[in-house]
All heavy atoms as atom14 arrays in JSON, in Angstrom:
{
  "sequence": "RQAPGKERAFVAAITWSDGVTYYADSVKGRFTISRDDAKNTV",
  "atom14_mask": [
    [1, 1, 1, 1, 1, 1, 1, 1, 1, 1, 1, 0, 0, 0],
    [1, 1, 1, 1, 1, 1, 1, 1, 1, 0, 0, 0, 0, 0],
    [1, 1, 1, 1, 1, 0, 0, 0, 0, 0, 0, 0, 0, 0],
    [1, 1, 1, 1, 1, 1, 1, 0, 0, 0, 0, 0, 0, 0],
    [1, 1, 1, 1, 0, 0, 0, 0, 0, 0, 0, 0, 0, 0],
    [1, 1, 1, 1, 1, 1, 1, 1, 1, 0, 0, 0, 0, 0],
    [1, 1, 1, 1, 1, 1, 1, 1, 1, 0, 0, 0, 0, 0],
    [1, 1, 1, 1, 1, 1, 1, 1, 1, 1, 1, 0, 0, 0],
    [1, 1, 1, 1, 1, 0, 0, 0, 0, 0, 0, 0, 0, 0],
    [1, 1, 1, 1, 1, 1, 1, 1, 1, 1, 1, 0, 0, 0],
    [1, 1, 1, 1, 1, 1, 1, 0, 0, 0, 0, 0, 0, 0],
    [1, 1, 1, 1, 1, 0, 0, 0, 0, 0, 0, 0, 0, 0],
    [1, 1, 1, 1, 1, 0, 0, 0, 0, 0, 0, 0, 0, 0],
    [1, 1, 1, 1, 1, 1, 1, 1, 0, 0, 0, 0, 0, 0],
    [1, 1, 1, 1, 1, 1, 1, 0, 0, 0, 0, 0, 0, 0],
    [1, 1, 1, 1, 1, 1, 1, 1, 1, 1, 1, 1, 1, 1],
    [1, 1, 1, 1, 1, 1, 0, 0, 0, 0, 0, 0, 0, 0],
    [1, 1, 1, 1, 1, 1, 1, 1, 0, 0, 0, 0, 0, 0],
    [1, 1, 1, 1, 0, 0, 0, 0, 0, 0, 0, 0, 0, 0],
    [1, 1, 1, 1, 1, 1, 1, 0, 0, 0, 0, 0, 0, 0],
    [1, 1, 1, 1, 1, 1, 1, 0, 0, 0, 0, 0, 0, 0],
    [1, 1, 1, 1, 1, 1, 1, 1, 1, 1, 1, 1, 0, 0],
    [1, 1, 1, 1, 1, 1, 1, 1, 1, 1, 1, 1, 0, 0],
    [1, 1, 1, 1, 1, 0, 0, 0, 0, 0, 0, 0, 0, 0],
    [1, 1, 1, 1, 1, 1, 1, 1, 0, 0, 0, 0, 0, 0],
    [1, 1, 1, 1, 1, 1, 0, 0, 0, 0, 0, 0, 0, 0],
    [1, 1, 1, 1, 1, 1, 1, 0, 0, 0, 0, 0, 0, 0],
    [1, 1, 1, 1, 1, 1, 1, 1, 1, 0, 0, 0, 0, 0],
    [1, 1, 1, 1, 0, 0, 0, 0, 0, 0, 0, 0, 0, 0],
    [1, 1, 1, 1, 1, 1, 1, 1, 1, 1, 1, 0, 0, 0],
    [1, 1, 1, 1, 1, 1, 1, 1, 1, 1, 1, 0, 0, 0],
    [1, 1, 1, 1, 1, 1, 1, 0, 0, 0, 0, 0, 0, 0],
    [1, 1, 1, 1, 1, 1, 1, 1, 0, 0, 0, 0, 0, 0],
    [1, 1, 1, 1, 1, 1, 0, 0, 0, 0, 0, 0, 0, 0],
    [1, 1, 1, 1, 1, 1, 1, 1, 1, 1, 1, 0, 0, 0],
    [1, 1, 1, 1, 1, 1, 1, 1, 0, 0, 0, 0, 0, 0],
    [1, 1, 1, 1, 1, 1, 1, 1, 0, 0, 0, 0, 0, 0],
    [1, 1, 1, 1, 1, 0, 0, 0, 0, 0, 0, 0, 0, 0],
    [1, 1, 1, 1, 1, 1, 1, 1, 1, 0, 0, 0, 0, 0],
    [1, 1, 1, 1, 1, 1, 1, 1, 0, 0, 0, 0, 0, 0],
    [1, 1, 1, 1, 1, 1, 1, 0, 0, 0, 0, 0, 0, 0],
    [1, 1, 1, 1, 1, 1, 1, 0, 0, 0, 0, 0, 0, 0]
  ],
  "atom14_positions": [
    [[-47.12, -129.55, -116.72], [-47.88, -128.72, -117.65], [-47.67, -129.21, -119.07], [-46.63, -129.78, -119.41], [-47.5, -127.25, -117.53], [-46.07, -126.91, -117.91], [-45.78, -125.44, -117.63], [-44.44, -125.05, -118.01], [-43.92, -123.85, -117.79], [-44.64, -122.91, -117.18], [-42.67, -123.58, -118.18], [0.0, 0.0, 0.0], [0.0, 0.0, 0.0], [0.0, 0.0, 0.0]],
    [[-48.68, -128.97, -119.9], [-48.63, -129.39, -121.29], [-49.2, -128.28, -122.16], [-50.39, -127.97, -122.08], [-49.41, -130.69, -121.5], [-49.26, -131.27, -122.89], [-49.77, -132.7, -122.98], [-50.56, -133.15, -122.14], [-49.32, -133.43, -123.97], [0.0, 0.0, 0.0], [0.0, 0.0, 0.0], [0.0, 0.0, 0.0], [0.0, 0.0, 0.0], [0.0, 0.0, 0.0]],
    [[-48.35, -127.7, -122.98], [-48.76, -126.68, -123.93], [-49.22, -127.35, -125.23], [-48.84, -128.5, -125.5], [-47.61, -125.72, -124.21], [0.0, 0.0, 0.0], [0.0, 0.0, 0.0], [0.0, 0.0, 0.0], [0.0, 0.0, 0.0], [0.0, 0.0, 0.0], [0.0, 0.0, 0.0], [0.0, 0.0, 0.0], [0.0, 0.0, 0.0], [0.0, 0.0, 0.0]],
    [[-50.02, -126.66, -126.04], [-50.47, -127.25, -127.3], [-49.31, -127.71, -128.17], [-48.36, -126.96, -128.4], [-51.24, -126.11, -127.97], [-51.72, -125.28, -126.83], [-50.61, -125.33, -125.82], [0.0, 0.0, 0.0], [0.0, 0.0, 0.0], [0.0, 0.0, 0.0], [0.0, 0.0, 0.0], [0.0, 0.0, 0.0], [0.0, 0.0, 0.0], [0.0, 0.0, 0.0]],
    [[-49.36, -128.95, -128.64], [-48.33, -129.49, -129.49], [-47.06, -129.89, -128.76], [-46.09, -130.29, -129.42], [0.0, 0.0, 0.0], [0.0, 0.0, 0.0], [0.0, 0.0, 0.0], [0.0, 0.0, 0.0], [0.0, 0.0, 0.0], [0.0, 0.0, 0.0], [0.0, 0.0, 0.0], [0.0, 0.0, 0.0], [0.0, 0.0, 0.0], [0.0, 0.0, 0.0]],
    [[-47.03, -129.79, -127.44], [-45.85, -130.11, -126.66], [-46.12, -131.31, -125.76], [-47.26, -131.64, -125.45], [-45.42, -128.92, -125.8], [-45.14, -127.64, -126.58], [-43.91, -127.77, -127.44], [-43.58, -126.44, -128.1], [-42.36, -126.54, -128.95], [0.0, 0.0, 0.0], [0.0, 0.0, 0.0], [0.0, 0.0, 0.0], [0.0, 0.0, 0.0], [0.0, 0.0, 0.0]],
    [[-45.04, -131.95, -125.32], [-45.15, -133.04, -124.37], [-45.37, -132.49, -122.97], [-44.98, -131.37, -122.65], [-43.9, -133.92, -124.41], [-43.7, -134.68, -125.7], [-42.53, -135.62, -125.66], [-41.74, -135.54, -124.7], [-42.39, -136.43, -126.58], [0.0, 0.0, 0.0], [0.0, 0.0, 0.0], [0.0, 0.0, 0.0], [0.0, 0.0, 0.0], [0.0, 0.0, 0.0]],
    [[-45.99, -133.31, -122.13], [-46.19, -132.92, -120.75], [-44.85, -132.83, -120.03], [-44.02, -133.73, -120.12], [-47.11, -133.93, -120.06], [-47.66, -133.47, -118.72], [-48.77, -134.41, -118.23], [-49.88, -134.47, -119.17], [-50.99, -135.16, -118.97], [-51.15, -135.84, -117.84], [-51.95, -135.17, -119.88], [0.0, 0.0, 0.0], [0.0, 0.0, 0.0], [0.0, 0.0, 0.0]],
    [[-44.62, -131.73, -119.31], [-43.33, -131.45, -118.71], [-43.45, -131.17, -117.22], [-44.44, -130.61, -116.75], [-42.66, -130.26, -119.41], [0.0, 0.0, 0.0], [0.0, 0.0, 0.0], [0.0, 0.0, 0.0], [0.0, 0.0, 0.0], [0.0, 0.0, 0.0], [0.0, 0.0, 0.0], [0.0, 0.0, 0.0], [0.0, 0.0, 0.0], [0.0, 0.0, 0.0]],
    [[-42.42, -131.55, -116.49], [-42.37, -131.34, -115.05], [-42.26, -129.85, -114.72], [-41.52, -129.11, -115.37], [-41.17, -132.08, -114.47], [-40.89, -131.8, -113.03], [-41.65, -132.39, -112.03], [-39.88, -130.93, -112.66], [-41.41, -132.13, -110.69], [-39.62, -130.66, -111.33], [-40.39, -131.26, -110.35], [0.0, 0.0, 0.0], [0.0, 0.0, 0.0], [0.0, 0.0, 0.0]],
    [[-42.97, -129.43, -113.69], [-42.92, -128.06, -113.21], [-42.36, -127.98, -111.8], [-41.4, -127.26, -111.54], [-44.31, -127.4, -113.25], [-44.26, -126.0, -112.64], [-44.83, -127.34, -114.68], [0.0, 0.0, 0.0], [0.0, 0.0, 0.0], [0.0, 0.0, 0.0], [0.0, 0.0, 0.0], [0.0, 0.0, 0.0], [0.0, 0.0, 0.0], [0.0, 0.0, 0.0]],
    [[-42.96, -128.72, -110.87], [-42.54, -128.66, -109.48], [-43.06, -129.89, -108.74], [-44.01, -130.53, -109.19], [-43.05, -127.38, -108.8], [0.0, 0.0, 0.0], [0.0, 0.0, 0.0], [0.0, 0.0, 0.0], [0.0, 0.0, 0.0], [0.0, 0.0, 0.0], [0.0, 0.0, 0.0], [0.0, 0.0, 0.0], [0.0, 0.0, 0.0], [0.0, 0.0, 0.0]],
    [[-42.45, -130.2, -107.61], [-42.9, -131.31, -106.79], [-42.64, -131.01, -105.32], [-41.77, -130.2, -104.99], [-42.19, -132.61, -107.19], [0.0, 0.0, 0.0], [0.0, 0.0, 0.0], [0.0, 0.0, 0.0], [0.0, 0.0, 0.0], [0.0, 0.0, 0.0], [0.0, 0.0, 0.0], [0.0, 0.0, 0.0], [0.0, 0.0, 0.0], [0.0, 0.0, 0.0]],
    [[-43.4, -131.67, -104.47], [-43.23, -131.53, -103.03], [-43.49, -132.88, -102.39], [-44.37, -133.62, -102.81], [-44.17, -130.44, -102.46], [-43.87, -130.18, -100.98], [-45.63, -130.83, -102.65], [-44.57, -128.93, -100.44], [0.0, 0.0, 0.0], [0.0, 0.0, 0.0], [0.0, 0.0, 0.0], [0.0, 0.0, 0.0], [0.0, 0.0, 0.0], [0.0, 0.0, 0.0]],
    [[-42.71, -133.2, -101.37], [-42.96, -134.42, -100.61], [-43.99, -134.12, -99.54], [-43.85, -133.15, -98.79], [-41.67, -134.96, -99.99], [-41.09, -133.98, -99.11], [-40.64, -135.29, -101.07], [0.0, 0.0, 0.0], [0.0, 0.0, 0.0], [0.0, 0.0, 0.0], [0.0, 0.0, 0.0], [0.0, 0.0, 0.0], [0.0, 0.0, 0.0], [0.0, 0.0, 0.0]],
    [[-45.02, -134.94, -99.47], [-46.09, -134.68, -98.52], [-45.61, -134.79, -97.08], [-46.06, -134.04, -96.22], [-47.25, -135.65, -98.77], [-48.53, -135.17, -98.19], [-48.98, -135.34, -96.92], [-49.54, -134.41, -98.88], [-50.2, -134.74, -96.76], [-50.57, -134.16, -97.94], [-49.67, -133.92, -100.18], [-51.72, -133.44, -98.28], [-50.8, -133.21, -100.51], [-51.8, -132.98, -99.57]],
    [[-44.69, -135.71, -96.83], [-44.27, -135.98, -95.47], [-43.38, -134.9, -94.87], [-43.53, -134.56, -93.69], [-43.54, -137.32, -95.41], [-42.43, -137.34, -96.3], [0.0, 0.0, 0.0], [0.0, 0.0, 0.0], [0.0, 0.0, 0.0], [0.0, 0.0, 0.0], [0.0, 0.0, 0.0], [0.0, 0.0, 0.0], [0.0, 0.0, 0.0], [0.0, 0.0, 0.0]],
    [[-42.45, -134.33, -95.66], [-41.51, -133.37, -95.1], [-41.51, -132.01, -95.81], [-40.82, -131.09, -95.36], [-40.09, -133.94, -95.08], [-39.61, -134.41, -96.43], [-40.2, -134.0, -97.46], [-38.65, -135.19, -96.47], [0.0, 0.0, 0.0], [0.0, 0.0, 0.0], [0.0, 0.0, 0.0], [0.0, 0.0, 0.0], [0.0, 0.0, 0.0], [0.0, 0.0, 0.0]],
    [[-42.22, -131.87, -96.9], [-42.35, -130.59, -97.57], [-41.16, -130.14, -98.38], [-41.07, -128.95, -98.73], [0.0, 0.0, 0.0], [0.0, 0.0, 0.0], [0.0, 0.0, 0.0], [0.0, 0.0, 0.0], [0.0, 0.0, 0.0], [0.0, 0.0, 0.0], [0.0, 0.0, 0.0], [0.0, 0.0, 0.0], [0.0, 0.0, 0.0], [0.0, 0.0, 0.0]],
    [[-40.23, -131.03, -98.69], [-39.1, -130.69, -99.54], [-39.6, -130.41, -100.96], [-40.43, -131.15, -101.48], [-38.05, -131.8, -99.55], [-36.92, -131.49, -100.53], [-37.49, -132.0, -98.15], [0.0, 0.0, 0.0], [0.0, 0.0, 0.0], [0.0, 0.0, 0.0], [0.0, 0.0, 0.0], [0.0, 0.0, 0.0], [0.0, 0.0, 0.0], [0.0, 0.0, 0.0]],
    [[-39.11, -129.34, -101.57], [-39.6, -128.91, -102.87], [-38.55, -129.02, -103.96], [-37.35, -128.93, -103.7], [-40.1, -127.46, -102.8], [-39.04, -126.6, -102.39], [-41.25, -127.33, -101.81], [0.0, 0.0, 0.0], [0.0, 0.0, 0.0], [0.0, 0.0, 0.0], [0.0, 0.0, 0.0], [0.0, 0.0, 0.0], [0.0, 0.0, 0.0], [0.0, 0.0, 0.0]],
    [[-39.03, -129.18, -105.2], [-38.18, -129.29, -106.38], [-38.84, -128.53, -107.51], [-40.07, -128.57, -107.66], [-37.97, -130.76, -106.76], [-37.36, -131.59, -105.66], [-38.16, -132.13, -104.67], [-35.99, -131.81, -105.61], [-37.61, -132.88, -103.64], [-35.44, -132.56, -104.58], [-36.24, -133.09, -103.6], [-35.7, -133.82, -102.58], [0.0, 0.0, 0.0], [0.0, 0.0, 0.0]],
    [[-38.03, -127.85, -108.34], [-38.56, -127.02, -109.41], [-37.8, -127.22, -110.71], [-36.59, -127.45, -110.71], [-38.47, -125.53, -109.04], [-39.29, -125.14, -107.84], [-38.72, -125.1, -106.58], [-40.63, -124.8, -107.97], [-39.47, -124.74, -105.47], [-41.38, -124.44, -106.87], [-40.8, -124.41, -105.62], [-41.54, -124.04, -104.52], [0.0, 0.0, 0.0], [0.0, 0.0, 0.0]],
    [[-38.53, -127.11, -111.81], [-37.89, -127.03, -113.11], [-37.15, -125.7, -113.22], [-37.56, -124.69, -112.65], [-38.91, -127.15, -114.23], [0.0, 0.0, 0.0], [0.0, 0.0, 0.0], [0.0, 0.0, 0.0], [0.0, 0.0, 0.0], [0.0, 0.0, 0.0], [0.0, 0.0, 0.0], [0.0, 0.0, 0.0], [0.0, 0.0, 0.0], [0.0, 0.0, 0.0]],
    [[-36.05, -125.69, -113.97], [-35.25, -124.48, -114.11], [-36.06, -123.31, -114.67], [-35.84, -122.16, -114.3], [-34.04, -124.74, -115.0], [-32.99, -125.61, -114.35], [-33.01, -125.73, -113.1], [-32.15, -126.16, -115.07], [0.0, 0.0, 0.0], [0.0, 0.0, 0.0], [0.0, 0.0, 0.0], [0.0, 0.0, 0.0], [0.0, 0.0, 0.0], [0.0, 0.0, 0.0]],
    [[-37.01, -123.6, -115.53], [-37.78, -122.55, -116.19], [-38.7, -121.78, -115.26], [-39.17, -120.7, -115.61], [-38.59, -123.15, -117.34], [-39.49, -124.13, -116.86], [0.0, 0.0, 0.0], [0.0, 0.0, 0.0], [0.0, 0.0, 0.0], [0.0, 0.0, 0.0], [0.0, 0.0, 0.0], [0.0, 0.0, 0.0], [0.0, 0.0, 0.0], [0.0, 0.0, 0.0]],
    [[-38.97, -122.33, -114.07], [-39.91, -121.68, -113.16], [-39.29, -121.3, -111.82], [-39.97, -120.69, -110.99], [-41.16, -122.56, -112.91], [-41.81, -122.93, -114.23], [-40.79, -123.81, -112.11], [0.0, 0.0, 0.0], [0.0, 0.0, 0.0], [0.0, 0.0, 0.0], [0.0, 0.0, 0.0], [0.0, 0.0, 0.0], [0.0, 0.0, 0.0], [0.0, 0.0, 0.0]],
    [[-38.03, -121.62, -111.61], [-37.37, -121.28, -110.35], [-37.39, -119.77, -110.12], [-37.11, -118.99, -111.02], [-35.92, -121.78, -110.35], [-35.78, -123.28, -110.17], [-34.31, -123.69, -110.16], [-34.17, -125.18, -109.97], [-32.75, -125.61, -110.01], [0.0, 0.0, 0.0], [0.0, 0.0, 0.0], [0.0, 0.0, 0.0], [0.0, 0.0, 0.0], [0.0, 0.0, 0.0]],
    [[-37.75, -119.38, -108.91], [-37.84, -117.98, -108.57], [-39.17, -117.34, -108.91], [-39.43, -116.2, -108.49], [0.0, 0.0, 0.0], [0.0, 0.0, 0.0], [0.0, 0.0, 0.0], [0.0, 0.0, 0.0], [0.0, 0.0, 0.0], [0.0, 0.0, 0.0], [0.0, 0.0, 0.0], [0.0, 0.0, 0.0], [0.0, 0.0, 0.0], [0.0, 0.0, 0.0]],
    [[-40.02, -118.03, -109.67], [-41.32, -117.49, -110.05], [-42.49, -118.31, -109.49], [-43.51, -117.73, -109.12], [-41.46, -117.43, -111.57], [-40.43, -116.53, -112.25], [-40.76, -116.32, -113.72], [-40.75, -117.59, -114.47], [-41.78, -118.05, -115.16], [-42.92, -117.36, -115.21], [-41.68, -119.19, -115.83], [0.0, 0.0, 0.0], [0.0, 0.0, 0.0], [0.0, 0.0, 0.0]],
    [[-42.34, -119.62, -109.45], [-43.4, -120.5, -108.97], [-43.03, -121.05, -107.6], [-41.85, -121.29, -107.3], [-43.63, -121.67, -109.92], [-44.18, -121.31, -111.27], [-44.38, -119.99, -111.64], [-44.49, -122.3, -112.18], [-44.88, -119.66, -112.88], [-45.0, -121.99, -113.42], [-45.2, -120.67, -113.78], [0.0, 0.0, 0.0], [0.0, 0.0, 0.0], [0.0, 0.0, 0.0]],
    [[-44.03, -121.29, -106.76], [-43.82, -121.86, -105.45], [-44.84, -122.96, -105.2], [-46.04, -122.73, -105.32], [-43.94, -120.79, -104.35], [-43.01, -119.73, -104.59], [-43.65, -121.41, -102.98], [0.0, 0.0, 0.0], [0.0, 0.0, 0.0], [0.0, 0.0, 0.0], [0.0, 0.0, 0.0], [0.0, 0.0, 0.0], [0.0, 0.0, 0.0], [0.0, 0.0, 0.0]],
    [[-44.36, -124.14, -104.85], [-45.24, -125.24, -104.5], [-45.3, -125.35, -102.98], [-44.29, -125.16, -102.29], [-44.79, -126.56, -105.15], [-45.84, -127.66, -104.95], [-43.43, -127.0, -104.62], [-45.57, -128.92, -105.77], [0.0, 0.0, 0.0], [0.0, 0.0, 0.0], [0.0, 0.0, 0.0], [0.0, 0.0, 0.0], [0.0, 0.0, 0.0], [0.0, 0.0, 0.0]],
    [[-46.48, -125.63, -102.45], [-46.65, -125.74, -101.01], [-47.78, -126.71, -100.71], [-48.47, -127.17, -101.62], [-46.93, -124.37, -100.38], [-48.13, -123.81, -100.91], [0.0, 0.0, 0.0], [0.0, 0.0, 0.0], [0.0, 0.0, 0.0], [0.0, 0.0, 0.0], [0.0, 0.0, 0.0], [0.0, 0.0, 0.0], [0.0, 0.0, 0.0], [0.0, 0.0, 0.0]],
    [[-47.95, -127.02, -99.44], [-49.01, -127.94, -99.03], [-49.68, -127.46, -97.76], [-49.09, -126.73, -96.96], [-48.46, -129.35, -98.85], [-47.3, -129.43, -97.82], [-47.18, -130.79, -97.23], [-46.0, -131.09, -96.44], [-45.54, -130.42, -95.4], [-46.08, -129.29, -95.03], [-44.49, -130.85, -94.71], [0.0, 0.0, 0.0], [0.0, 0.0, 0.0], [0.0, 0.0, 0.0]],
    [[-50.93, -127.88, -97.57], [-51.7, -127.6, -96.37], [-52.22, -128.95, -95.88], [-53.17, -129.49, -96.45], [-52.84, -126.63, -96.65], [-53.57, -126.2, -95.41], [-53.63, -126.97, -94.43], [-54.1, -125.07, -95.39], [0.0, 0.0, 0.0], [0.0, 0.0, 0.0], [0.0, 0.0, 0.0], [0.0, 0.0, 0.0], [0.0, 0.0, 0.0], [0.0, 0.0, 0.0]],
    [[-51.6, -129.47, -94.83], [-51.97, -130.8, -94.34], [-53.42, -130.85, -93.88], [-54.12, -131.85, -94.09], [-51.05, -131.21, -93.2], [-49.63, -131.47, -93.65], [-49.4, -131.66, -94.86], [-48.72, -131.49, -92.79], [0.0, 0.0, 0.0], [0.0, 0.0, 0.0], [0.0, 0.0, 0.0], [0.0, 0.0, 0.0], [0.0, 0.0, 0.0], [0.0, 0.0, 0.0]],
    [[-53.89, -129.8, -93.22], [-55.25, -129.78, -92.69], [-56.29, -129.87, -93.8], [-57.37, -130.42, -93.59], [-55.47, -128.53, -91.85], [0.0, 0.0, 0.0], [0.0, 0.0, 0.0], [0.0, 0.0, 0.0], [0.0, 0.0, 0.0], [0.0, 0.0, 0.0], [0.0, 0.0, 0.0], [0.0, 0.0, 0.0], [0.0, 0.0, 0.0], [0.0, 0.0, 0.0]],
    [[-55.98, -129.32, -94.97], [-56.92, -129.31, -96.09], [-56.61, -130.39, -97.12], [-57.32, -130.48, -98.12], [-56.91, -127.94, -96.76], [-57.39, -126.81, -95.87], [-57.38, -125.48, -96.61], [-57.88, -124.36, -95.73], [-57.87, -123.05, -96.43], [0.0, 0.0, 0.0], [0.0, 0.0, 0.0], [0.0, 0.0, 0.0], [0.0, 0.0, 0.0], [0.0, 0.0, 0.0]],
    [[-55.57, -131.17, -96.89], [-55.15, -132.2, -97.86], [-55.0, -131.61, -99.26], [-55.43, -132.2, -100.25], [-56.14, -133.36, -97.88], [-56.18, -134.12, -96.57], [-55.17, -134.22, -95.87], [-57.33, -134.67, -96.24], [0.0, 0.0, 0.0], [0.0, 0.0, 0.0], [0.0, 0.0, 0.0], [0.0, 0.0, 0.0], [0.0, 0.0, 0.0], [0.0, 0.0, 0.0]],
    [[-54.37, -130.46, -99.33], [-54.29, -129.71, -100.57], [-52.87, -129.28, -100.86], [-52.15, -128.85, -99.96], [-55.2, -128.47, -100.51], [-56.56, -128.89, -100.31], [-55.12, -127.67, -101.8], [0.0, 0.0, 0.0], [0.0, 0.0, 0.0], [0.0, 0.0, 0.0], [0.0, 0.0, 0.0], [0.0, 0.0, 0.0], [0.0, 0.0, 0.0], [0.0, 0.0, 0.0]],
    [[-52.48, -129.39, -102.12], [-51.2, -128.9, -102.61], [-51.47, -127.69, -103.5], [-52.42, -127.69, -104.29], [-50.45, -129.99, -103.39], [-49.16, -129.43, -103.99], [-50.13, -131.16, -102.47], [0.0, 0.0, 0.0], [0.0, 0.0, 0.0], [0.0, 0.0, 0.0], [0.0, 0.0, 0.0], [0.0, 0.0, 0.0], [0.0, 0.0, 0.0], [0.0, 0.0, 0.0]]
  ]
}
């Protein structure tokens, strides 16, 4: 994500193959990343 006047910052990531997730400290417990293999969508 990139707010006005700020640098682009990491929020979350997921591995497509195994679904392991990673989160920035600022969003842990609030944001959830997931994937749907059938829809090729994150």
